[in-house]
Amino acid sequence: MSIKTAIHNLVSQNKVVIFSKTYCPYCSNAKRLFSELGVEYKVLELDTMKDGSEYQNTLKEMTNMGTVPSIWVNNEFIGGFSDTQSLHKQGKLLPKLNK
């Protein structure tokens, strides 16, 4: 299975997927936000996976964003932490989660 297929499967089978790195403060903030909202999420810590850099390269090809966190809600790429926080402040994150 290709990494792109693995990513597609993950984001289609989970309401929220966060591609993260264990040492990234923005990733920690994203995970905290979803936890505070009481939303279950699937997280992949790319820095602990042997093919993590390949995942990150594939995500960059798919989204034009090469940084983490890479956050997906209901099979849709919504961006990084700043994008997610902005959606939440605008009242647009919860409707996306409740689709």
PDB file of N, CA and C in Angstrom:
ATOM      1  N   MET A   1       0.854  -1.193   0.000  1.00  0.00           N
ATOM      2  CA  MET A   1       0.000   0.000   0.000  1.00  0.00           C
ATOM      3  C   MET A   1       0.888   1.240   0.000  1.00  0.00           C
ATOM      4  N   SER A   2       0.549   2.201  -0.845  1.00  0.00           N
ATOM      5  CA  SER A   2       1.340   3.429  -0.899  1.00  0.00           C
ATOM      6  C   SER A   2       1.030   4.292   0.323  1.00  0.00           C
ATOM      7  N   ILE A   3       1.917   5.206   0.623  1.00  0.00           N
ATOM      8  CA  ILE A   3       1.701   6.109   1.757  1.00  0.00           C
ATOM      9  C   ILE A   3       0.489   7.002   1.479  1.00  0.00           C
ATOM     10  N   LYS A   4       0.335   7.429   0.232  1.00  0.00           N
ATOM     11  CA  LYS A   4      -0.829   8.244  -0.114  1.00  0.00           C
ATOM     12  C   LYS A   4      -2.129   7.484   0.158  1.00  0.00           C
ATOM     13  N   THR A   5      -2.160   6.216  -0.188  1.00  0.00           N
ATOM     14  CA  THR A   5      -3.337   5.378   0.085  1.00  0.00           C
ATOM     15  C   THR A   5      -3.544   5.239   1.582  1.00  0.00           C
ATOM     16  N   ALA A   6      -2.450   5.042   2.328  1.00  0.00           N
ATOM     17  CA  ALA A   6      -2.546   4.918   3.789  1.00  0.00           C
ATOM     18  C   ALA A   6      -3.133   6.199   4.395  1.00  0.00           C
ATOM     19  N   ILE A   7      -2.691   7.362   3.899  1.00  0.00           N
ATOM     20  CA  ILE A   7      -3.213   8.646   4.389  1.00  0.00           C
ATOM     21  C   ILE A   7      -4.699   8.757   4.059  1.00  0.00           C
ATOM     22  N   HIS A   8      -5.065   8.446   2.822  1.00  0.00           N
ATOM     23  CA  HIS A   8      -6.484   8.495   2.430  1.00  0.00           C
ATOM     24  C   HIS A   8      -7.334   7.596   3.325  1.00  0.00           C
ATOM     25  N   ASN A   9      -6.846   6.381   3.600  1.00  0.00           N
ATOM     26  CA  ASN A   9      -7.580   5.455   4.457  1.00  0.00           C
ATOM     27  C   ASN A   9      -7.739   6.018   5.863  1.00  0.00           C
ATOM     28  N   LEU A  10      -6.651   6.549   6.404  1.00  0.00           N
ATOM     29  CA  LEU A  10      -6.694   7.109   7.764  1.00  0.00           C
ATOM     30  C   LEU A  10      -7.705   8.246   7.877  1.00  0.00           C
ATOM     31  N   VAL A  11      -7.634   9.195   6.936  1.00  0.00           N
ATOM     32  CA  VAL A  11      -8.500  10.375   7.062  1.00  0.00           C
ATOM     33  C   VAL A  11      -9.952  10.049   6.736  1.00  0.00           C
ATOM     34  N   SER A  12     -10.186   8.979   5.970  1.00  0.00           N
ATOM     35  CA  SER A  12     -11.570   8.621   5.674  1.00  0.00           C
ATOM     36  C   SER A  12     -12.186   7.777   6.789  1.00  0.00           C
ATOM     37  N   GLN A  13     -11.360   7.125   7.600  1.00  0.00           N
ATOM     38  CA  GLN A  13     -11.864   6.241   8.651  1.00  0.00           C
ATOM     39  C   GLN A  13     -11.904   6.882  10.028  1.00  0.00           C
ATOM     40  N   ASN A  14     -11.388   8.106  10.169  1.00  0.00           N
ATOM     41  CA  ASN A  14     -11.356   8.791  11.465  1.00  0.00           C
ATOM     42  C   ASN A  14     -11.918  10.197  11.308  1.00  0.00           C
ATOM     43  N   LYS A  15     -12.703  10.630  12.289  1.00  0.00           N
ATOM     44  CA  LYS A  15     -13.299  11.969  12.237  1.00  0.00           C
ATOM     45  C   LYS A  15     -12.211  13.045  12.203  1.00  0.00           C
ATOM     46  N   VAL A  16     -11.188  12.887  13.063  1.00  0.00           N
ATOM     47  CA  VAL A  16     -10.084  13.850  13.120  1.00  0.00           C
ATOM     48  C   VAL A  16      -8.772  13.091  13.086  1.00  0.00           C
ATOM     49  N   VAL A  17      -7.869  13.508  12.196  1.00  0.00           N
ATOM     50  CA  VAL A  17      -6.523  12.944  12.139  1.00  0.00           C
ATOM     51  C   VAL A  17      -5.537  14.098  12.234  1.00  0.00           C
ATOM     52  N   ILE A  18      -4.556  13.931  13.133  1.00  0.00           N
ATOM     53  CA  ILE A  18      -3.504  14.935  13.289  1.00  0.00           C
ATOM     54  C   ILE A  18      -2.167  14.261  12.994  1.00  0.00           C
ATOM     55  N   PHE A  19      -1.501  14.734  11.959  1.00  0.00           N
ATOM     56  CA  PHE A  19      -0.137  14.299  11.672  1.00  0.00           C
ATOM     57  C   PHE A  19       0.749  15.255  12.451  1.00  0.00           C
ATOM     58  N   SER A  20       1.553  14.720  13.366  1.00  0.00           N
ATOM     59  CA  SER A  20       2.186  15.503  14.408  1.00  0.00           C
ATOM     60  C   SER A  20       3.643  15.101  14.580  1.00  0.00           C
ATOM     61  N   LYS A  21       4.364  15.845  15.391  1.00  0.00           N
ATOM     62  CA  LYS A  21       5.689  15.434  15.878  1.00  0.00           C
ATOM     63  C   LYS A  21       5.678  15.652  17.388  1.00  0.00           C
ATOM     64  N   THR A  22       6.303  14.744  18.109  1.00  0.00           N
ATOM     65  CA  THR A  22       6.210  14.741  19.571  1.00  0.00           C
ATOM     66  C   THR A  22       6.748  16.033  20.197  1.00  0.00           C
ATOM     67  N   TYR A  23       7.721  16.671  19.567  1.00  0.00           N
ATOM     68  CA  TYR A  23       8.367  17.845  20.154  1.00  0.00           C
ATOM     69  C   TYR A  23       7.778  19.170  19.666  1.00  0.00           C
ATOM     70  N   CYS A  24       6.752  19.120  18.828  1.00  0.00           N
ATOM     71  CA  CYS A  24       6.221  20.328  18.189  1.00  0.00           C
ATOM     72  C   CYS A  24       5.170  20.993  19.079  1.00  0.00           C
ATOM     73  N   PRO A  25       5.419  22.247  19.507  1.00  0.00           N
ATOM     74  CA  PRO A  25       4.442  22.916  20.379  1.00  0.00           C
ATOM     75  C   PRO A  25       3.092  23.173  19.691  1.00  0.00           C
ATOM     76  N   TYR A  26       3.093  23.437  18.390  1.00  0.00           N
ATOM     77  CA  TYR A  26       1.826  23.664  17.683  1.00  0.00           C
ATOM     78  C   TYR A  26       1.007  22.371  17.636  1.00  0.00           C
ATOM     79  N   CYS A  27       1.714  21.237  17.509  1.00  0.00           N
ATOM     80  CA  CYS A  27       1.038  19.940  17.517  1.00  0.00           C
ATOM     81  C   CYS A  27       0.404  19.693  18.885  1.00  0.00           C
ATOM     82  N   SER A  28       1.150  19.998  19.946  1.00  0.00           N
ATOM     83  CA  SER A  28       0.621  19.832  21.307  1.00  0.00           C
ATOM     84  C   SER A  28      -0.615  20.703  21.503  1.00  0.00           C
ATOM     85  N   ASN A  29      -0.573  21.930  21.008  1.00  0.00           N
ATOM     86  CA  ASN A  29      -1.725  22.835  21.116  1.00  0.00           C
ATOM     87  C   ASN A  29      -2.927  22.285  20.366  1.00  0.00           C
ATOM     88  N   ALA A  30      -2.697  21.719  19.194  1.00  0.00           N
ATOM     89  CA  ALA A  30      -3.794  21.153  18.403  1.00  0.00           C
ATOM     90  C   ALA A  30      -4.433  19.985  19.148  1.00  0.00           C
ATOM     91  N   LYS A  31      -3.603  19.084  19.678  1.00  0.00           N
ATOM     92  CA  LYS A  31      -4.127  17.924  20.406  1.00  0.00           C
ATOM     93  C   LYS A  31      -4.895  18.388  21.645  1.00  0.00           C
ATOM     94  N   ARG A  32      -4.368  19.410  22.333  1.00  0.00           N
ATOM     95  CA  ARG A  32      -5.041  19.950  23.519  1.00  0.00           C
ATOM     96  C   ARG A  32      -6.408  20.534  23.139  1.00  0.00           C
ATOM     97  N   LEU A  33      -6.471  21.265  22.029  1.00  0.00           N
ATOM     98  CA  LEU A  33      -7.737  21.871  21.597  1.00  0.00           C
ATOM     99  C   LEU A  33      -8.800  20.797  21.368  1.00  0.00           C
ATOM    100  N   PHE A  34      -8.465  19.757  20.631  1.00  0.00           N
ATOM    101  CA  PHE A  34      -9.452  18.701  20.369  1.00  0.00           C
ATOM    102  C   PHE A  34      -9.820  17.965  21.657  1.00  0.00           C
ATOM    103  N   SER A  35      -8.844  17.760  22.547  1.00  0.00           N
ATOM    104  CA  SER A  35      -9.139  17.115  23.834  1.00  0.00           C
ATOM    105  C   SER A  35     -10.094  17.976  24.659  1.00  0.00           C
ATOM    106  N   GLU A  36      -9.840  19.295  24.692  1.00  0.00           N
ATOM    107  CA  GLU A  36     -10.717  20.208  25.444  1.00  0.00           C
ATOM    108  C   GLU A  36     -12.123  20.234  24.858  1.00  0.00           C
ATOM    109  N   LEU A  37     -12.233  20.043  23.549  1.00  0.00           N
ATOM    110  CA  LEU A  37     -13.547  20.007  22.900  1.00  0.00           C
ATOM    111  C   LEU A  37     -14.221  18.640  23.081  1.00  0.00           C
ATOM    112  N   GLY A  38     -13.494  17.684  23.665  1.00  0.00           N
ATOM    113  CA  GLY A  38     -14.034  16.346  23.871  1.00  0.00           C
ATOM    114  C   GLY A  38     -14.144  15.547  22.584  1.00  0.00           C
ATOM    115  N   VAL A  39     -13.273  15.867  21.625  1.00  0.00           N
ATOM    116  CA  VAL A  39     -13.311  15.219  20.323  1.00  0.00           C
ATOM    117  C   VAL A  39     -12.199  14.174  20.249  1.00  0.00           C
ATOM    118  N   GLU A  40     -12.577  12.934  19.917  1.00  0.00           N
ATOM    119  CA  GLU A  40     -11.566  11.893  19.722  1.00  0.00           C
ATOM    120  C   GLU A  40     -10.807  12.177  18.434  1.00  0.00           C
ATOM    121  N   TYR A  41      -9.525  11.902  18.466  1.00  0.00           N
ATOM    122  CA  TYR A  41      -8.723  12.097  17.266  1.00  0.00           C
ATOM    123  C   TYR A  41      -7.695  10.989  17.164  1.00  0.00           C
ATOM    124  N   LYS A  42      -7.272  10.736  15.944  1.00  0.00           N
ATOM    125  CA  LYS A  42      -6.190   9.792  15.663  1.00  0.00           C
ATOM    126  C   LYS A  42      -4.948  10.634  15.423  1.00  0.00           C
ATOM    127  N   VAL A  43      -3.855  10.282  16.084  1.00  0.00           N
ATOM    128  CA  VAL A  43      -2.623  11.041  15.890  1.00  0.00           C
ATOM    129  C   VAL A  43      -1.525  10.117  15.379  1.00  0.00           C
ATOM    130  N   LEU A  44      -0.769  10.599  14.430  1.00  0.00           N
ATOM    131  CA  LEU A  44       0.435   9.911  13.973  1.00  0.00           C
ATOM    132  C   LEU A  44       1.613  10.815  14.279  1.00  0.00           C
ATOM    133  N   GLU A  45       2.511  10.329  15.133  1.00  0.00           N
ATOM    134  CA  GLU A  45       3.710  11.093  15.492  1.00  0.00           C
ATOM    135  C   GLU A  45       4.791  10.750  14.469  1.00  0.00           C
ATOM    136  N   LEU A  46       4.954  11.625  13.488  1.00  0.00           N
ATOM    137  CA  LEU A  46       5.834  11.316  12.351  1.00  0.00           C
ATOM    138  C   LEU A  46       7.286  11.119  12.767  1.00  0.00           C
ATOM    139  N   ASP A  47       7.706  11.781  13.852  1.00  0.00           N
ATOM    140  CA  ASP A  47       9.107  11.661  14.268  1.00  0.00           C
ATOM    141  C   ASP A  47       9.396  10.324  14.957  1.00  0.00           C
ATOM    142  N   THR A  48       8.360   9.529  15.239  1.00  0.00           N
ATOM    143  CA  THR A  48       8.585   8.223  15.870  1.00  0.00           C
ATOM    144  C   THR A  48       8.352   7.074  14.884  1.00  0.00           C
ATOM    145  N   MET A  49       8.013   7.411  13.636  1.00  0.00           N
ATOM    146  CA  MET A  49       7.733   6.391  12.624  1.00  0.00           C
ATOM    147  C   MET A  49       8.922   6.268  11.678  1.00  0.00           C
ATOM    148  N   LYS A  50       9.261   5.027  11.294  1.00  0.00           N
ATOM    149  CA  LYS A  50      10.432   4.863  10.413  1.00  0.00           C
ATOM    150  C   LYS A  50      10.203   5.498   9.050  1.00  0.00           C
ATOM    151  N   ASP A  51       8.923   5.570   8.606  1.00  0.00           N
ATOM    152  CA  ASP A  51       8.632   6.210   7.322  1.00  0.00           C
ATOM    153  C   ASP A  51       7.952   7.572   7.499  1.00  0.00           C
ATOM    154  N   GLY A  52       8.173   8.173   8.659  1.00  0.00           N
ATOM    155  CA  GLY A  52       7.549   9.461   8.970  1.00  0.00           C
ATOM    156  C   GLY A  52       7.890  10.568   7.983  1.00  0.00           C
ATOM    157  N   SER A  53       9.154  10.606   7.540  1.00  0.00           N
ATOM    158  CA  SER A  53       9.538  11.665   6.593  1.00  0.00           C
ATOM    159  C   SER A  53       8.849  11.450   5.245  1.00  0.00           C
ATOM    160  N   GLU A  54       8.609  10.187   4.885  1.00  0.00           N
ATOM    161  CA  GLU A  54       7.882   9.909   3.639  1.00  0.00           C
ATOM    162  C   GLU A  54       6.421  10.350   3.769  1.00  0.00           C
ATOM    163  N   TYR A  55       5.843  10.138   4.954  1.00  0.00           N
ATOM    164  CA  TYR A  55       4.489  10.634   5.203  1.00  0.00           C
ATOM    165  C   TYR A  55       4.464  12.150   5.057  1.00  0.00           C
ATOM    166  N   GLN A  56       5.443  12.824   5.668  1.00  0.00           N
ATOM    167  CA  GLN A  56       5.464  14.281   5.611  1.00  0.00           C
ATOM    168  C   GLN A  56       5.630  14.773   4.171  1.00  0.00           C
ATOM    169  N   ASN A  57       6.490  14.125   3.389  1.00  0.00           N
ATOM    170  CA  ASN A  57       6.667  14.510   1.987  1.00  0.00           C
ATOM    171  C   ASN A  57       5.379  14.301   1.196  1.00  0.00           C
ATOM    172  N   THR A  58       4.690  13.200   1.457  1.00  0.00           N
ATOM    173  CA  THR A  58       3.441  12.905   0.751  1.00  0.00           C
ATOM    174  C   THR A  58       2.363  13.908   1.141  1.00  0.00           C
ATOM    175  N   LEU A  59       2.292  14.243   2.429  1.00  0.00           N
ATOM    176  CA  LEU A  59       1.323  15.254   2.883  1.00  0.00           C
ATOM    177  C   LEU A  59       1.589  16.594   2.195  1.00  0.00           C
ATOM    178  N   LYS A  60       2.877  16.936   2.033  1.00  0.00           N
ATOM    179  CA  LYS A  60       3.219  18.190   1.364  1.00  0.00           C
ATOM    180  C   LYS A  60       2.732  18.181  -0.088  1.00  0.00           C
ATOM    181  N   GLU A  61       2.909  17.040  -0.760  1.00  0.00           N
ATOM    182  CA  GLU A  61       2.420  16.911  -2.145  1.00  0.00           C
ATOM    183  C   GLU A  61       0.896  17.076  -2.190  1.00  0.00           C
ATOM    184  N   MET A  62       0.204  16.524  -1.189  1.00  0.00           N
ATOM    185  CA  MET A  62      -1.259  16.519  -1.183  1.00  0.00           C
ATOM    186  C   MET A  62      -1.855  17.873  -0.785  1.00  0.00           C
ATOM    187  N   THR A  63      -1.145  18.616   0.087  1.00  0.00           N
ATOM    188  CA  THR A  63      -1.747  19.813   0.694  1.00  0.00           C
ATOM    189  C   THR A  63      -0.989  21.105   0.410  1.00  0.00           C
ATOM    190  N   ASN A  64       0.184  21.000  -0.174  1.00  0.00           N
ATOM    191  CA  ASN A  64       1.078  22.153  -0.363  1.00  0.00           C
ATOM    192  C   ASN A  64       1.530  22.758   0.962  1.00  0.00           C
ATOM    193  N   MET A  65       1.439  21.987   2.046  1.00  0.00           N
ATOM    194  CA  MET A  65       1.912  22.447   3.351  1.00  0.00           C
ATOM    195  C   MET A  65       2.884  21.404   3.888  1.00  0.00           C
ATOM    196  N   GLY A  66       4.120  21.799   4.103  1.00  0.00           N
ATOM    197  CA  GLY A  66       5.136  20.845   4.516  1.00  0.00           C
ATOM    198  C   GLY A  66       5.380  20.774   6.005  1.00  0.00           C
ATOM    199  N   THR A  67       4.591  21.522   6.791  1.00  0.00           N
ATOM    200  CA  THR A  67       4.812  21.573   8.231  1.00  0.00           C
ATOM    201  C   THR A  67       3.758  20.749   8.972  1.00  0.00           C
ATOM    202  N   VAL A  68       4.028  20.482  10.233  1.00  0.00           N
ATOM    203  CA  VAL A  68       3.053  19.846  11.117  1.00  0.00           C
ATOM    204  C   VAL A  68       2.638  20.867  12.172  1.00  0.00           C
ATOM    205  N   PRO A  69       1.459  20.699  12.747  1.00  0.00           N
ATOM    206  CA  PRO A  69       0.525  19.617  12.499  1.00  0.00           C
ATOM    207  C   PRO A  69      -0.193  19.778  11.154  1.00  0.00           C
ATOM    208  N   SER A  70      -0.567  18.637  10.611  1.00  0.00           N
ATOM    209  CA  SER A  70      -1.412  18.586   9.427  1.00  0.00           C
ATOM    210  C   SER A  70      -2.726  17.986   9.913  1.00  0.00           C
ATOM    211  N   ILE A  71      -3.775  18.800   9.916  1.00  0.00           N
ATOM    212  CA  ILE A  71      -5.021  18.428  10.581  1.00  0.00           C
ATOM    213  C   ILE A  71      -6.123  18.201   9.562  1.00  0.00           C
ATOM    214  N   TRP A  72      -6.788  17.061   9.702  1.00  0.00           N
ATOM    215  CA  TRP A  72      -7.857  16.632   8.806  1.00  0.00           C
ATOM    216  C   TRP A  72      -9.116  16.401   9.620  1.00  0.00           C
ATOM    217  N   VAL A  73     -10.232  16.950   9.177  1.00  0.00           N
ATOM    218  CA  VAL A  73     -11.522  16.774   9.849  1.00  0.00           C
ATOM    219  C   VAL A  73     -12.526  16.257   8.822  1.00  0.00           C
ATOM    220  N   ASN A  74     -13.143  15.133   9.137  1.00  0.00           N
ATOM    221  CA  ASN A  74     -14.124  14.527   8.238  1.00  0.00           C
ATOM    222  C   ASN A  74     -13.623  14.472   6.797  1.00  0.00           C
ATOM    223  N   ASN A  75     -12.413  13.906   6.646  1.00  0.00           N
ATOM    224  CA  ASN A  75     -11.828  13.655   5.326  1.00  0.00           C
ATOM    225  C   ASN A  75     -11.413  14.930   4.589  1.00  0.00           C
ATOM    226  N   GLU A  76     -11.370  16.066   5.299  1.00  0.00           N
ATOM    227  CA  GLU A  76     -11.001  17.339   4.676  1.00  0.00           C
ATOM    228  C   GLU A  76      -9.777  17.917   5.381  1.00  0.00           C
ATOM    229  N   PHE A  77      -8.786  18.322   4.613  1.00  0.00           N
ATOM    230  CA  PHE A  77      -7.607  18.987   5.173  1.00  0.00           C
ATOM    231  C   PHE A  77      -8.005  20.396   5.588  1.00  0.00           C
ATOM    232  N   ILE A  78      -7.826  20.717   6.877  1.00  0.00           N
ATOM    233  CA  ILE A  78      -8.199  22.068   7.322  1.00  0.00           C
ATOM    234  C   ILE A  78      -6.986  22.944   7.619  1.00  0.00           C
ATOM    235  N   GLY A  79      -5.781  22.373   7.593  1.00  0.00           N
ATOM    236  CA  GLY A  79      -4.586  23.181   7.765  1.00  0.00           C
ATOM    237  C   GLY A  79      -3.787  22.785   8.988  1.00  0.00           C
ATOM    238  N   GLY A  80      -3.062  23.762   9.520  1.00  0.00           N
ATOM    239  CA  GLY A  80      -2.259  23.550  10.713  1.00  0.00           C
ATOM    240  C   GLY A  80      -2.987  24.058  11.945  1.00  0.00           C
ATOM    241  N   PHE A  81      -2.234  24.276  13.032  1.00  0.00           N
ATOM    242  CA  PHE A  81      -2.882  24.703  14.269  1.00  0.00           C
ATOM    243  C   PHE A  81      -3.488  26.098  14.145  1.00  0.00           C
ATOM    244  N   SER A  82      -2.768  27.031  13.534  1.00  0.00           N
ATOM    245  CA  SER A  82      -3.286  28.405  13.415  1.00  0.00           C
ATOM    246  C   SER A  82      -4.600  28.423  12.640  1.00  0.00           C
ATOM    247  N   ASP A  83      -4.669  27.637  11.560  1.00  0.00           N
ATOM    248  CA  ASP A  83      -5.896  27.545  10.758  1.00  0.00           C
ATOM    249  C   ASP A  83      -7.033  26.954  11.597  1.00  0.00           C
ATOM    250  N   THR A  84      -6.717  25.913  12.349  1.00  0.00           N
ATOM    251  CA  THR A  84      -7.719  25.221  13.166  1.00  0.00           C
ATOM    252  C   THR A  84      -8.220  26.142  14.276  1.00  0.00           C
ATOM    253  N   GLN A  85      -7.292  26.835  14.932  1.00  0.00           N
ATOM    254  CA  GLN A  85      -7.654  27.767  16.003  1.00  0.00           C
ATOM    255  C   GLN A  85      -8.524  28.898  15.441  1.00  0.00           C
ATOM    256  N   SER A  86      -8.188  29.384  14.268  1.00  0.00           N
ATOM    257  CA  SER A  86      -8.961  30.443  13.619  1.00  0.00           C
ATOM    258  C   SER A  86     -10.381  29.959  13.308  1.00  0.00           C
ATOM    259  N   LEU A  87     -10.501  28.747  12.760  1.00  0.00           N
ATOM    260  CA  LEU A  87     -11.830  28.178  12.490  1.00  0.00           C
ATOM    261  C   LEU A  87     -12.638  28.084  13.784  1.00  0.00           C
ATOM    262  N   HIS A  88     -11.976  27.661  14.871  1.00  0.00           N
ATOM    263  CA  HIS A  88     -12.667  27.509  16.152  1.00  0.00           C
ATOM    264  C   HIS A  88     -13.147  28.875  16.661  1.00  0.00           C
ATOM    265  N   LYS A  89     -12.278  29.890  16.575  1.00  0.00           N
ATOM    266  CA  LYS A  89     -12.646  31.237  17.046  1.00  0.00           C
ATOM    267  C   LYS A  89     -13.783  31.827  16.214  1.00  0.00           C
ATOM    268  N   GLN A  90     -13.871  31.437  14.940  1.00  0.00           N
ATOM    269  CA  GLN A  90     -14.942  31.922  14.062  1.00  0.00           C
ATOM    270  C   GLN A  90     -16.227  31.101  14.214  1.00  0.00           C
ATOM    271  N   GLY A  91     -16.181  30.064  15.078  1.00  0.00           N
ATOM    272  CA  GLY A  91     -17.353  29.217  15.268  1.00  0.00           C
ATOM    273  C   GLY A  91     -17.583  28.239  14.124  1.00  0.00           C
ATOM    274  N   LYS A  92     -16.550  27.974  13.327  1.00  0.00           N
ATOM    275  CA  LYS A  92     -16.717  27.106  12.157  1.00  0.00           C
ATOM    276  C   LYS A  92     -16.155  25.698  12.358  1.00  0.00           C
ATOM    277  N   LEU A  93     -15.403  25.478  13.445  1.00  0.00           N
ATOM    278  CA  LEU A  93     -14.792  24.159  13.651  1.00  0.00           C
ATOM    279  C   LEU A  93     -15.826  23.135  14.110  1.00  0.00           C
ATOM    280  N   LEU A  94     -16.645  23.479  15.090  1.00  0.00           N
ATOM    281  CA  LEU A  94     -17.632  22.516  15.606  1.00  0.00           C
ATOM    282  C   LEU A  94     -18.616  22.060  14.520  1.00  0.00           C
ATOM    283  N   PRO A  95     -19.126  22.966  13.673  1.00  0.00           N
ATOM    284  CA  PRO A  95     -19.992  22.478  12.575  1.00  0.00           C
ATOM    285  C   PRO A  95     -19.280  21.484  11.658  1.00  0.00           C
ATOM    286  N   LYS A  96     -17.975  21.713  11.383  1.00  0.00           N
ATOM    287  CA  LYS A  96     -17.207  20.765  10.561  1.00  0.00           C
ATOM    288  C   LYS A  96     -17.100  19.411  11.268  1.00  0.00           C
ATOM    289  N   LEU A  97     -16.916  19.454  12.578  1.00  0.00           N
ATOM    290  CA  LEU A  97     -16.780  18.216  13.362  1.00  0.00           C
ATOM    291  C   LEU A  97     -18.101  17.453  13.409  1.00  0.00           C
ATOM    292  N   ASN A  98     -19.195  18.179  13.370  1.00  0.00           N
ATOM    293  CA  ASN A  98     -20.517  17.554  13.535  1.00  0.00           C
ATOM    294  C   ASN A  98     -21.166  17.155  12.225  1.00  0.00           C
ATOM    295  N   LYS A  99     -20.415  17.300  11.113  1.00  0.00           N
ATOM    296  CA  LYS A  99     -20.968  16.895   9.796  1.00  0.00           C
ATOM    297  C   LYS A  99     -21.357  15.434   9.816  1.00  0.00           C
TER     298      LYS A  99
END
